[in-house]
Every structure is written in structure tokens, then in C-alpha cells.
Amino acid sequence: MALVGVNVAVAKLLSEALPIALIVCLRCLLACVVLWPLARALEGRAPRPRGAVGRNLFLQALFGTALYNAGLLAGLRLTTALEGGLVLATLPAVVAIGSAVWLRERLAPRQWVAAMLAAGGMAAITVARLGGAGTGGDILGNLLVFAGVCGEAIYVLLAKRVAGQVPVFTATLWMQGFSALVLAPFALPGIGAVAALAADPGLAGLLVFHSLTASVVSLLLWYQALKRVPAGVAGVFTAFLPATAAVTAVAVLGESFGAVHAVGFALMGASLALATSPRRDVVR
């Protein structure tokens, strides 16, 4: 989660230097290069997903990789990494609402409260933008990042439908491959920008860091952790996403932290705590 938060600032730097479709396509291709031997070594020669599972993985790639990254990168061109990280913190609440509406899952009252707190955090930032508060954010940029959050939420809900049917690394490999295919037509017009990567080792290093940490290392750490701790406990650590995004934005990018962000953090933090805390059974 800390790596995901740091990558908000990294994504902002990349989006200011390279075409968005090219960034995501190259990220997916780099991830495939690393994931293929990992999948073979850890999971063996898994069969190519077909039928409903294959379609589901394609849709996960479309929404969870293509739409999420396009929304995030396009939004970060307009808004700050600090506010982008705050918007990303709405993900657990959006997933909870999607589970209730789409999968017909029954939500606990605290999950509805979490959704309202997340909405309050978004509203605080939006009202500040409409009021012209000068903290560097942008309402359209924040909405684009939120569109990316919705794409990621759809990915999570789709993943629930095929959980356990395809090994984790194999499924991720196919998702990255599908994503690269979807993005290739949009990335090709900006292929000339690859020269900028060759001329700037620092920029190329950021892209490699972004690809490997977001698409490979974070995944490996997360799933290894879930073997050792309950999902509810792991969920609490999603709070590190907006926290590390904020620290990186302020310390590395020099963004300012204002009262609006403090209110947003308080609301988003409470939302995350409620949405991800393990359910306690009542002792009778």
C-alpha cells in the first residue's frame, strides 16, 4: 500500500512528460516480461483462460488496468498528487457500494457510514475547488481520478466472480497482456516519445519503477501477506495509500498541505477504518 501511494507521485511525473496511453502500454509490457517467468516458476504451465473466465479477465484488464490508469494519469495532469491520493482512498467505499448494487451483497451499517464519509471527503475537496481555494487541486482532475477509482472497483468486483479459477500470477499476466493489446492502438501515435526515455535515464527509471512496483512487487507483497493475516486486518493497511501519497507529494513534489486536505484526510481516514475493519461477532 505504501508503494501504491508513492506511485501516485511517480505517475504524476510520468504523465507530465509522456503520452498517457504510451505510459500504461509500456508499463503493461514491462510487467509481462517480469510476470511470465514468475508465473511459470510459481504456478507452472497454466492453461490459457477461455470462455467466461477469459472474458472476465479481459474486462478486468479493460476496467482495472486501462480505465484505472487512464483516469489516474489524466487526472494527475490537472490535479495534485496529494488530492489524487485522497480520491483514491474512496476505493473501499466504492467497492462496498458496488457489492451491494451489483452482487446483491448485504452491507453492514458501518459500511454505509464509510461510504457516506468517503462521499463527504470528496465533497469537501470539490466544494473547495468550486470556491476557488488555492491549494493546487482541480475539480476535473479529481473527477478523472475518481473515474479511475470506479474502474478499479469494477475490477475488484469482477475478480470476485473468478476467484480461485485461475492462479494469481497467471491471471495477472493475462490481464497485463490484454491491457497492452487494448492500449496499443492509442499508444502507437505517441511512439516517438520513446526517444525521450532513451535520452533521459531518470525518466526511464521512473517508468521501470512504476511498472515493477505497481504491477508486480505490490501484488506479490499483498498476496503473500494475505497468507499470514486475515483480509480484514490487511484491509486496514489501505490507509497507507493516501498517507504515503501525501508525504511523497509534499516532500518530493513540493505540494502544499492545507486545511481542506486535513478535513479530507480526517473523513477518508474514518471511511477507510470503517470499510476495512474486520467484522466482530456478537458474543451471546
Protein backbone atom coordinates (compact mmCIF):
# COMPACT_ATOMS: atom_id res chain seq x y z
CA MET A 1 0.00 0.00 0.00
CA ALA A 2 2.92 2.33 0.69
CA LEU A 3 4.32 1.55 -2.76
CA VAL A 4 0.93 2.23 -4.35
CA GLY A 5 0.80 5.59 -2.57
CA VAL A 6 4.31 6.54 -3.69
CA ASN A 7 3.33 5.65 -7.25
CA VAL A 8 0.71 8.40 -7.27
CA ALA A 9 3.54 10.96 -7.28
CA VAL A 10 5.56 8.87 -9.76
CA ALA A 11 2.54 8.65 -12.07
CA LYS A 12 2.15 12.44 -11.93
CA LEU A 13 5.77 12.96 -13.01
CA LEU A 14 5.39 10.45 -15.86
CA SER A 15 2.07 11.93 -17.05
CA GLU A 16 3.69 15.35 -17.39
CA ALA A 17 6.44 14.00 -19.65
CA LEU A 18 4.88 11.22 -21.77
CA PRO A 19 1.57 10.41 -23.53
CA ILE A 20 -0.80 8.64 -21.15
CA ALA A 21 -1.61 5.64 -23.39
CA LEU A 22 2.10 5.08 -24.03
CA ILE A 23 2.92 5.09 -20.30
CA VAL A 24 0.27 2.49 -19.49
CA CYS A 25 1.06 0.31 -22.51
CA LEU A 26 4.79 0.25 -21.75
CA ARG A 27 4.03 -0.42 -18.08
CA CYS A 28 1.92 -3.44 -19.06
CA LEU A 29 4.57 -4.79 -21.45
CA LEU A 30 7.31 -4.44 -18.82
CA ALA A 31 5.10 -6.19 -16.28
CA CYS A 32 4.51 -9.07 -18.72
CA VAL A 33 8.26 -9.52 -19.17
CA VAL A 34 8.63 -9.99 -15.41
CA LEU A 35 5.36 -11.83 -14.71
CA TRP A 36 5.83 -14.53 -17.38
CA PRO A 37 8.83 -16.25 -15.74
CA LEU A 38 7.30 -15.70 -12.28
CA ALA A 39 4.05 -17.38 -13.33
CA ARG A 40 5.95 -20.29 -14.89
CA ALA A 41 8.19 -20.72 -11.84
CA LEU A 42 5.50 -20.40 -9.16
CA GLU A 43 2.40 -21.77 -10.90
CA GLY A 44 3.66 -23.98 -13.73
CA ARG A 45 2.19 -24.08 -17.22
CA ALA A 46 -1.32 -22.88 -16.56
CA PRO A 47 -3.77 -23.22 -19.49
CA ARG A 48 -4.88 -20.16 -21.42
CA PRO A 49 -8.13 -18.87 -19.87
CA ARG A 50 -11.11 -19.48 -22.14
CA GLY A 51 -14.83 -18.84 -22.22
CA ALA A 52 -16.38 -16.88 -19.37
CA VAL A 53 -13.12 -16.77 -17.41
CA GLY A 54 -11.21 -15.35 -20.39
CA ARG A 55 -13.88 -12.71 -20.99
CA ASN A 56 -13.86 -11.81 -17.32
CA LEU A 57 -10.07 -11.35 -17.33
CA PHE A 58 -10.36 -9.18 -20.45
CA LEU A 59 -12.95 -6.98 -18.72
CA GLN A 60 -10.74 -6.79 -15.61
CA ALA A 61 -7.92 -5.58 -17.85
CA LEU A 62 -10.20 -3.07 -19.58
CA PHE A 63 -11.50 -1.53 -16.36
CA GLY A 64 -8.83 -2.31 -13.76
CA THR A 65 -5.77 -1.50 -15.86
CA ALA A 66 -6.79 0.60 -18.86
CA LEU A 67 -9.57 2.75 -17.35
CA TYR A 68 -7.98 3.00 -13.89
CA ASN A 69 -4.59 4.11 -15.19
CA ALA A 70 -6.04 6.38 -17.88
CA GLY A 71 -8.25 8.10 -15.30
CA LEU A 72 -5.42 8.37 -12.76
CA LEU A 73 -2.82 9.69 -15.20
CA ALA A 74 -5.19 12.07 -16.99
CA GLY A 75 -6.43 13.37 -13.65
CA LEU A 76 -2.93 13.87 -12.27
CA ARG A 77 -2.12 16.12 -15.22
CA LEU A 78 -4.69 18.53 -13.79
CA THR A 79 -4.77 17.97 -10.04
CA THR A 80 -2.14 17.43 -7.35
CA ALA A 81 -0.72 14.09 -6.27
CA LEU A 82 -1.91 14.97 -2.76
CA GLU A 83 -5.56 15.27 -3.78
CA GLY A 84 -5.24 12.36 -6.20
CA GLY A 85 -4.19 10.16 -3.28
CA LEU A 86 -7.17 11.35 -1.25
CA VAL A 87 -9.56 10.50 -4.07
CA LEU A 88 -8.01 7.02 -4.37
CA ALA A 89 -8.89 6.46 -0.70
CA THR A 90 -12.57 6.23 -1.71
CA LEU A 91 -11.93 2.81 -3.30
CA PRO A 92 -13.08 0.59 -0.36
CA ALA A 93 -16.33 2.54 -0.08
CA VAL A 94 -16.97 2.40 -3.84
CA VAL A 95 -16.32 -1.36 -3.83
CA ALA A 96 -18.73 -1.79 -0.91
CA ILE A 97 -21.49 0.09 -2.75
CA GLY A 98 -20.79 -1.88 -5.94
CA SER A 99 -21.04 -5.14 -4.00
CA ALA A 100 -24.46 -4.12 -2.71
CA VAL A 101 -25.80 -2.87 -6.04
CA TRP A 102 -24.26 -5.38 -8.46
CA LEU A 103 -23.52 -8.53 -6.45
CA ARG A 104 -26.52 -8.04 -4.13
CA GLU A 105 -24.34 -8.43 -1.06
CA ARG A 106 -25.77 -7.19 2.22
CA LEU A 107 -23.69 -4.42 3.75
CA ALA A 108 -23.24 -3.77 7.44
CA PRO A 109 -24.36 -0.33 8.70
CA ARG A 110 -20.72 0.68 9.27
CA GLN A 111 -20.01 0.12 5.55
CA TRP A 112 -22.80 2.53 4.60
CA VAL A 113 -21.38 5.04 7.08
CA ALA A 114 -17.94 4.52 5.49
CA ALA A 115 -19.41 5.28 2.07
CA MET A 116 -21.00 8.48 3.40
CA LEU A 117 -17.72 9.58 5.00
CA ALA A 118 -15.87 8.94 1.71
CA ALA A 119 -18.51 10.98 -0.12
CA GLY A 120 -18.03 13.71 2.47
CA GLY A 121 -14.28 13.74 1.85
CA MET A 122 -14.85 14.06 -1.90
CA ALA A 123 -17.44 16.78 -1.28
CA ALA A 124 -15.04 18.77 0.92
CA ILE A 125 -12.40 18.81 -1.81
CA THR A 126 -14.98 19.58 -4.53
CA VAL A 127 -16.55 22.48 -2.60
CA ALA A 128 -13.07 23.90 -2.01
CA ARG A 129 -12.34 23.71 -5.73
CA LEU A 130 -15.66 25.34 -6.66
CA GLY A 131 -14.92 28.04 -4.10
CA GLY A 132 -11.55 28.72 -5.70
CA ALA A 133 -9.40 27.54 -2.78
CA GLY A 134 -5.81 27.92 -3.86
CA THR A 135 -4.28 24.57 -2.88
CA GLY A 136 -3.35 23.50 -6.41
CA GLY A 137 -6.05 20.91 -7.00
CA ASP A 138 -8.55 20.80 -9.83
CA ILE A 139 -12.14 19.54 -9.78
CA LEU A 140 -11.98 17.96 -13.27
CA GLY A 141 -8.69 16.27 -12.39
CA ASN A 142 -10.18 14.88 -9.19
CA LEU A 143 -13.22 13.59 -11.09
CA LEU A 144 -10.96 11.87 -13.64
CA VAL A 145 -9.08 10.16 -10.81
CA PHE A 146 -12.44 9.11 -9.36
CA ALA A 147 -13.39 7.64 -12.74
CA GLY A 148 -10.22 5.57 -12.41
CA VAL A 149 -11.35 4.51 -8.92
CA CYS A 150 -14.65 3.32 -10.41
CA GLY A 151 -12.72 1.30 -12.98
CA GLU A 152 -10.64 -0.31 -10.22
CA ALA A 153 -13.80 -1.06 -8.22
CA ILE A 154 -15.30 -2.84 -11.24
CA TYR A 155 -12.07 -4.84 -11.49
CA VAL A 156 -12.38 -5.91 -7.83
CA LEU A 157 -16.00 -6.97 -8.30
CA LEU A 158 -15.17 -8.89 -11.49
CA ALA A 159 -12.26 -10.57 -9.70
CA LYS A 160 -14.68 -11.89 -7.06
CA ARG A 161 -16.52 -13.81 -9.79
CA VAL A 162 -13.46 -15.81 -10.91
CA ALA A 163 -11.56 -16.00 -7.62
CA GLY A 164 -9.64 -19.27 -7.44
CA GLN A 165 -10.35 -20.32 -11.04
CA VAL A 166 -7.00 -19.01 -12.35
CA PRO A 167 -3.73 -18.75 -10.35
CA VAL A 168 -2.88 -15.20 -9.25
CA PHE A 169 0.27 -14.59 -11.31
CA THR A 170 -1.15 -16.29 -14.40
CA ALA A 171 -4.34 -14.20 -14.17
CA THR A 172 -2.31 -11.01 -13.71
CA LEU A 173 -0.08 -11.90 -16.66
CA TRP A 174 -3.09 -12.32 -18.95
CA MET A 175 -4.64 -9.12 -17.65
CA GLN A 176 -1.47 -7.15 -18.39
CA GLY A 177 -1.29 -8.74 -21.85
CA PHE A 178 -4.93 -7.93 -22.61
CA SER A 179 -4.36 -4.36 -21.37
CA ALA A 180 -1.36 -3.90 -23.67
CA LEU A 181 -3.47 -5.07 -26.65
CA VAL A 182 -6.30 -2.68 -25.76
CA LEU A 183 -3.94 0.27 -25.33
CA ALA A 184 -1.62 -0.41 -28.30
CA PRO A 185 -3.76 1.47 -30.91
CA PHE A 186 -3.82 4.54 -28.65
CA ALA A 187 -0.15 4.29 -27.74
CA LEU A 188 1.21 3.97 -31.29
CA PRO A 189 0.63 7.64 -32.28
CA GLY A 190 2.87 8.70 -29.41
CA ILE A 191 5.58 6.09 -30.01
CA GLY A 192 8.03 8.84 -30.92
CA ALA A 193 8.09 9.85 -27.24
CA VAL A 194 10.08 6.67 -26.55
CA ALA A 195 13.08 8.71 -27.68
CA ALA A 196 12.59 10.85 -24.58
CA LEU A 197 13.06 7.73 -22.46
CA ALA A 198 16.31 6.90 -24.23
CA ALA A 199 17.55 10.46 -23.75
CA ASP A 200 16.54 10.68 -20.09
CA PRO A 201 17.66 7.72 -17.93
CA GLY A 202 15.90 9.24 -14.94
CA LEU A 203 12.54 9.24 -16.74
CA ALA A 204 13.14 5.68 -17.98
CA GLY A 205 13.98 4.63 -14.42
CA LEU A 206 10.72 6.13 -13.16
CA LEU A 207 8.77 4.14 -15.74
CA VAL A 208 10.52 0.89 -14.79
CA PHE A 209 9.97 1.62 -11.08
CA HIS A 210 6.30 2.43 -11.74
CA SER A 211 5.73 -0.76 -13.72
CA LEU A 212 7.55 -3.18 -11.44
CA THR A 213 6.35 -1.82 -8.11
CA ALA A 214 2.71 -1.20 -9.09
CA SER A 215 2.13 -4.30 -11.23
CA VAL A 216 4.49 -6.89 -9.71
CA VAL A 217 6.03 -6.13 -6.30
CA SER A 218 2.88 -4.70 -4.69
CA LEU A 219 0.90 -7.69 -5.91
CA LEU A 220 3.47 -10.17 -4.58
CA LEU A 221 3.65 -8.46 -1.17
CA TRP A 222 -0.14 -8.21 -0.89
CA TYR A 223 -0.92 -11.83 -1.70
CA GLN A 224 1.96 -13.15 0.42
CA ALA A 225 0.63 -11.07 3.32
CA LEU A 226 -2.89 -12.44 2.88
CA LYS A 227 -1.49 -15.92 3.53
CA ARG A 228 -0.42 -14.76 7.00
CA VAL A 229 -3.03 -12.25 8.20
CA PRO A 230 -6.84 -12.03 7.84
CA ALA A 231 -8.18 -9.97 4.94
CA GLY A 232 -9.85 -7.57 7.39
CA VAL A 233 -6.53 -6.81 9.07
CA ALA A 234 -4.80 -6.39 5.70
CA GLY A 235 -7.55 -4.01 4.63
CA VAL A 236 -6.71 -1.61 7.46
CA PHE A 237 -3.34 -1.03 5.81
CA THR A 238 -5.02 0.58 2.78
CA ALA A 239 -4.75 3.74 4.90
CA PHE A 240 -1.08 3.82 3.90
CA LEU A 241 -2.11 4.65 0.32
CA PRO A 242 -3.30 8.26 0.89
CA ALA A 243 -0.76 8.75 3.69
CA THR A 244 2.30 7.88 1.59
CA ALA A 245 0.83 9.70 -1.41
CA ALA A 246 0.57 12.83 0.74
CA VAL A 247 4.06 12.53 2.23
CA THR A 248 5.60 11.98 -1.23
CA ALA A 249 3.61 14.84 -2.76
CA VAL A 250 4.71 17.28 -0.07
CA ALA A 251 8.30 16.08 0.41
CA VAL A 252 9.24 15.30 -3.20
CA LEU A 253 6.92 17.37 -5.38
CA GLY A 254 6.72 20.35 -3.04
CA GLU A 255 2.92 20.44 -2.95
CA SER A 256 1.22 22.39 -0.15
CA PHE A 257 -0.93 20.82 2.54
CA GLY A 258 -3.90 22.96 3.56
CA ALA A 259 -6.96 22.88 5.81
CA VAL A 260 -9.05 21.33 3.02
CA HIS A 261 -6.67 18.39 2.86
CA ALA A 262 -6.78 18.00 6.65
CA VAL A 263 -10.58 17.73 6.52
CA GLY A 264 -10.36 15.34 3.60
CA PHE A 265 -7.82 13.17 5.42
CA ALA A 266 -9.97 13.01 8.54
CA LEU A 267 -13.04 11.92 6.59
CA MET A 268 -11.18 9.50 4.32
CA GLY A 269 -9.29 8.01 7.27
CA ALA A 270 -12.52 7.35 9.14
CA SER A 271 -14.05 5.88 5.98
CA LEU A 272 -11.11 3.55 5.45
CA ALA A 273 -11.17 2.43 9.09
CA LEU A 274 -14.86 1.57 8.93
CA ALA A 275 -14.79 0.00 5.45
CA THR A 276 -11.82 -2.28 6.10
CA SER A 277 -12.09 -3.15 9.83
CA PRO A 278 -12.84 -6.82 10.50
CA ARG A 279 -16.40 -7.65 11.46
CA ARG A 280 -16.84 -8.55 15.12
CA ASP A 281 -19.29 -11.28 16.01
CA VAL A 282 -21.59 -10.55 18.92
CA VAL A 283 -20.96 -12.81 21.93
CA ARG A 284 -24.22 -14.33 23.19
